[in-house]
Amino acid sequence: MDLAKPSTAANLEAAFGGESMANRKYLFFADVAKTLGNGDLAKLFRDTANQETEHAFAHFRLLHPELVIEDPSSLSDEQKQSILARCLQLAIEGETYEYTTMYPQFAAAARGDEDASAAAEFQSQTDESLEHATLFKKAASTFGFLEPVEHHHADRYNIALEQLQGKGTAGESPEPVPGKWICKFCSMIYDPAQGDPDSGIIAGTAFEAIPDDWKCPICGTRKANFVPYREPELLAK
């Protein structure tokens, strides 16, 4: 296969994205079926999701032949380190794109769409317009919260790469960042400067002042599952 042709590479990227999305979608459907008590259908969705994963892996191997490992025992430590470093580099690229480009653009678009829907709502006074405005506002809020999460992920990958290169040990800063707390489940970082306006938590609200029944705006876990946020840090060897 000639990956030098832009169309071939682009098609493989699109195929990988489509199969990957199908995998997650079918796993979601499996959860729905399980919740509704249909175990057979849940199994069908899970089995199909696993097949879609294999399809996605096949596309990804063609896109990144440098990561295809035929015989691990034949690789030197240096070759193994190079492959692992490449994995981390690709992960860093993806996470960095998400927090510098993708989510900021999505958030901006959602805010713009919210304004358009709000205008339509006031003109038509329909429940549908109100529902759309609410959904767009939620999308803008979620994308905004995800930016620092993806930044945090990219920082951790960078430090893991440096550890792999023998530059130190991955760890965290000894002192937490003043005011910031992080969710143990989804890594949502609560920043008092931003607050959580959609939940009635205005900007400037300290985490300690948030009601105990407040829930993470990304994954929905309770406040008790947040811990003080410490920045990822490379510790000296």
Protein backbone atom coordinates (compact mmCIF):
# COMPACT_ATOMS: atom_id res chain seq x y z
CA MET A 1 0.00 0.00 0.00
CA ASP A 2 1.42 3.37 -1.06
CA LEU A 3 1.09 5.62 1.97
CA ALA A 4 3.00 8.30 0.09
CA LYS A 5 -0.29 9.11 -1.63
CA PRO A 6 -2.15 11.71 0.48
CA SER A 7 -5.53 10.19 -0.40
CA THR A 8 -4.51 6.75 0.87
CA ALA A 9 -3.22 8.08 4.18
CA ALA A 10 -6.29 10.29 4.60
CA ASN A 11 -8.61 7.38 3.87
CA LEU A 12 -6.83 5.19 6.42
CA GLU A 13 -7.08 7.95 9.02
CA ALA A 14 -10.79 8.28 8.28
CA ALA A 15 -11.29 4.52 8.45
CA PHE A 16 -9.42 4.32 11.74
CA GLY A 17 -11.56 7.12 13.16
CA GLY A 18 -14.77 5.50 11.96
CA GLU A 19 -13.95 2.07 13.38
CA SER A 20 -12.77 3.60 16.66
CA MET A 21 -15.97 5.59 17.02
CA ALA A 22 -18.04 2.51 16.24
CA ASN A 23 -16.25 0.62 19.02
CA ARG A 24 -17.08 3.21 21.67
CA LYS A 25 -20.63 3.66 20.34
CA TYR A 26 -21.36 -0.07 20.50
CA LEU A 27 -19.95 -0.30 24.01
CA PHE A 28 -22.31 2.50 24.99
CA PHE A 29 -25.19 0.61 23.36
CA ALA A 30 -24.13 -2.50 25.28
CA ASP A 31 -24.43 -0.58 28.55
CA VAL A 32 -27.89 0.62 27.52
CA ALA A 33 -28.98 -2.93 26.67
CA LYS A 34 -27.54 -4.28 29.93
CA THR A 35 -29.33 -1.58 31.94
CA LEU A 36 -32.59 -2.52 30.25
CA GLY A 37 -32.05 -6.18 31.06
CA ASN A 38 -31.30 -7.45 27.56
CA GLY A 39 -28.12 -9.47 28.10
CA ASP A 40 -28.13 -11.07 24.66
CA LEU A 41 -28.22 -7.74 22.89
CA ALA A 42 -25.57 -6.35 25.25
CA LYS A 43 -23.30 -9.26 24.33
CA LEU A 44 -23.91 -8.69 20.63
CA PHE A 45 -22.90 -5.04 20.95
CA ARG A 46 -19.79 -5.93 22.99
CA ASP A 47 -18.70 -8.63 20.55
CA THR A 48 -19.17 -6.31 17.59
CA ALA A 49 -17.27 -3.55 19.42
CA ASN A 50 -14.33 -5.93 19.83
CA GLN A 51 -14.41 -6.68 16.12
CA GLU A 52 -14.43 -2.98 15.30
CA THR A 53 -11.38 -2.59 17.52
CA GLU A 54 -9.52 -5.18 15.46
CA HIS A 55 -10.51 -3.33 12.29
CA ALA A 56 -9.21 -0.07 13.76
CA PHE A 57 -5.95 -1.75 14.82
CA ALA A 58 -5.46 -3.07 11.28
CA HIS A 59 -5.79 0.45 9.86
CA PHE A 60 -3.49 1.90 12.51
CA ARG A 61 -0.80 -0.70 11.80
CA LEU A 62 -0.78 0.42 8.17
CA LEU A 63 -0.56 4.06 9.22
CA HIS A 64 2.25 3.37 11.69
CA PRO A 65 4.30 0.37 10.59
CA GLU A 66 7.06 1.53 12.94
CA LEU A 67 4.87 0.31 15.81
CA VAL A 68 4.24 -3.16 14.42
CA ILE A 69 6.10 -5.72 16.55
CA GLU A 70 6.64 -9.15 15.03
CA ASP A 71 9.11 -10.61 17.52
CA PRO A 72 9.63 -8.67 20.77
CA SER A 73 12.52 -10.92 21.81
CA SER A 74 14.53 -9.82 18.78
CA LEU A 75 14.44 -6.16 19.79
CA SER A 76 17.22 -4.46 21.67
CA ASP A 77 16.45 -2.33 24.72
CA GLU A 78 17.16 0.72 22.58
CA GLN A 79 14.68 -0.40 19.92
CA LYS A 80 12.01 -1.09 22.54
CA GLN A 81 12.59 2.34 24.05
CA SER A 82 12.30 3.93 20.62
CA ILE A 83 8.94 2.24 19.96
CA LEU A 84 7.58 3.23 23.37
CA ALA A 85 8.84 6.77 22.84
CA ARG A 86 7.00 6.91 19.51
CA CYS A 87 3.77 5.82 21.22
CA LEU A 88 4.17 8.59 23.77
CA GLN A 89 4.98 11.14 21.07
CA LEU A 90 1.80 10.26 19.17
CA ALA A 91 -0.19 10.46 22.42
CA ILE A 92 1.32 13.86 23.19
CA GLU A 93 0.47 15.13 19.72
CA GLY A 94 -3.14 14.01 20.13
CA GLU A 95 -3.64 15.46 23.59
CA THR A 96 -1.89 18.72 22.66
CA TYR A 97 -4.11 19.10 19.60
CA GLU A 98 -7.16 18.57 21.79
CA TYR A 99 -6.31 21.22 24.35
CA THR A 100 -4.75 23.81 22.00
CA THR A 101 -7.02 23.49 18.98
CA MET A 102 -9.93 21.07 19.07
CA TYR A 103 -11.68 21.91 22.34
CA PRO A 104 -11.06 25.68 22.15
CA GLN A 105 -12.60 25.71 18.65
CA PHE A 106 -15.50 23.50 19.74
CA ALA A 107 -16.15 25.71 22.76
CA ALA A 108 -16.10 28.85 20.63
CA ALA A 109 -18.48 27.30 18.11
CA ALA A 110 -20.83 26.12 20.85
CA ARG A 111 -20.92 29.59 22.39
CA GLY A 112 -21.71 31.05 18.98
CA ASP A 113 -24.43 28.49 18.37
CA GLU A 114 -25.86 29.20 21.80
CA ASP A 115 -26.24 32.87 20.92
CA ALA A 116 -28.02 31.98 17.68
CA SER A 117 -30.35 29.58 19.44
CA ALA A 118 -31.08 32.09 22.18
CA ALA A 119 -32.04 34.68 19.56
CA ALA A 120 -34.32 32.15 17.87
CA GLU A 121 -35.82 31.26 21.20
CA PHE A 122 -36.73 34.83 22.05
CA GLN A 123 -38.28 35.25 18.60
CA SER A 124 -40.22 32.03 18.37
CA GLN A 125 -40.80 31.38 22.09
CA THR A 126 -40.70 27.66 21.48
CA ASP A 127 -39.64 24.98 23.90
CA GLU A 128 -37.47 23.45 21.19
CA SER A 129 -35.30 26.56 20.89
CA LEU A 130 -34.91 26.69 24.65
CA GLU A 131 -33.83 23.04 24.69
CA HIS A 132 -31.26 23.67 21.95
CA ALA A 133 -29.84 26.70 23.73
CA THR A 134 -29.45 24.66 26.92
CA LEU A 135 -27.69 21.85 25.07
CA PHE A 136 -25.31 24.24 23.32
CA LYS A 137 -24.51 25.95 26.59
CA LYS A 138 -23.73 22.60 28.17
CA ALA A 139 -21.50 21.67 25.22
CA ALA A 140 -19.56 24.93 25.52
CA SER A 141 -19.10 24.38 29.25
CA THR A 142 -17.95 20.78 28.83
CA PHE A 143 -15.47 21.63 26.10
CA GLY A 144 -14.12 24.43 28.27
CA PHE A 145 -13.59 22.05 31.20
CA LEU A 146 -11.87 19.51 28.95
CA GLU A 147 -9.15 21.90 27.78
CA PRO A 148 -7.14 21.79 31.05
CA VAL A 149 -7.78 18.04 31.35
CA GLU A 150 -6.16 17.36 27.97
CA HIS A 151 -3.34 19.75 28.90
CA HIS A 152 -2.82 17.73 32.06
CA HIS A 153 -2.75 14.51 30.03
CA ALA A 154 -0.19 15.94 27.62
CA ASP A 155 2.02 17.08 30.50
CA ARG A 156 1.93 13.60 32.01
CA TYR A 157 2.84 12.02 28.69
CA ASN A 158 5.74 14.45 28.25
CA ILE A 159 7.08 13.57 31.68
CA ALA A 160 6.62 9.85 31.01
CA LEU A 161 8.65 10.29 27.84
CA GLU A 162 11.41 12.06 29.75
CA GLN A 163 11.41 9.26 32.32
CA LEU A 164 11.69 6.73 29.51
CA GLN A 165 14.71 8.66 28.24
CA GLY A 166 16.33 8.36 31.66
CA LYS A 167 16.03 12.02 32.59
CA GLY A 168 14.32 11.43 35.93
CA THR A 169 11.25 9.90 37.54
CA ALA A 170 7.65 10.85 36.85
CA GLY A 171 5.92 12.31 39.86
CA GLU A 172 3.97 15.29 41.14
CA SER A 173 4.87 18.61 42.67
CA PRO A 174 5.13 18.32 46.47
CA GLU A 175 2.69 21.19 47.01
CA PRO A 176 -0.78 21.39 45.45
CA VAL A 177 -1.67 24.27 43.16
CA PRO A 178 -3.49 26.79 45.35
CA GLY A 179 -7.24 26.57 44.91
CA LYS A 180 -7.30 23.84 42.27
CA TRP A 181 -8.78 20.36 42.81
CA ILE A 182 -8.83 17.38 40.45
CA CYS A 183 -11.39 14.61 39.96
CA LYS A 184 -9.96 11.17 40.70
CA PHE A 185 -12.08 9.59 37.96
CA CYS A 186 -11.97 11.86 34.90
CA SER A 187 -9.21 14.38 35.81
CA MET A 188 -11.55 17.37 35.58
CA ILE A 189 -9.69 20.23 37.26
CA TYR A 190 -11.80 22.62 39.31
CA ASP A 191 -10.42 26.14 39.02
CA PRO A 192 -12.00 28.71 41.33
CA ALA A 193 -11.22 31.41 38.78
CA GLN A 194 -13.62 29.67 36.39
CA GLY A 195 -16.11 28.11 38.79
CA ASP A 196 -18.97 26.06 37.36
CA PRO A 197 -21.62 28.58 36.34
CA ASP A 198 -23.94 25.95 34.86
CA SER A 199 -24.19 24.38 38.31
CA GLY A 200 -24.64 27.72 40.05
CA ILE A 201 -21.00 27.94 41.18
CA ILE A 202 -19.90 31.44 40.24
CA ALA A 203 -16.34 32.33 39.34
CA GLY A 204 -14.27 33.04 42.42
CA THR A 205 -15.89 30.30 44.51
CA ALA A 206 -13.35 28.33 46.54
CA PHE A 207 -13.67 24.56 46.27
CA GLU A 208 -14.26 24.33 50.01
CA ALA A 209 -17.29 26.60 49.63
CA ILE A 210 -18.98 24.41 47.02
CA PRO A 211 -22.04 22.54 48.38
CA ASP A 212 -21.38 18.91 49.24
CA ASP A 213 -24.03 17.74 46.75
CA TRP A 214 -22.18 19.34 43.83
CA LYS A 215 -21.14 16.86 41.13
CA CYS A 216 -18.31 16.81 38.62
CA PRO A 217 -19.60 18.53 35.45
CA ILE A 218 -17.84 15.97 33.24
CA CYS A 219 -18.31 12.53 34.82
CA GLY A 220 -20.94 13.29 37.48
CA THR A 221 -19.03 11.94 40.47
CA ARG A 222 -19.48 13.61 43.85
CA LYS A 223 -17.37 16.36 45.34
CA ALA A 224 -15.76 13.93 47.81
CA ASN A 225 -13.92 12.30 44.90
CA PHE A 226 -11.83 15.41 44.22
CA VAL A 227 -8.32 15.84 45.64
CA PRO A 228 -5.96 18.84 45.69
CA TYR A 229 -4.35 19.24 42.28
CA ARG A 230 -0.61 18.72 42.02
CA GLU A 231 1.09 19.44 38.72
CA PRO A 232 2.92 16.56 37.00
CA GLU A 233 6.63 16.94 37.58
CA LEU A 234 9.86 15.22 36.60
CA LEU A 235 11.70 14.30 39.78
CA ALA A 236 15.47 14.14 39.91
CA LYS A 237 17.05 10.71 39.55
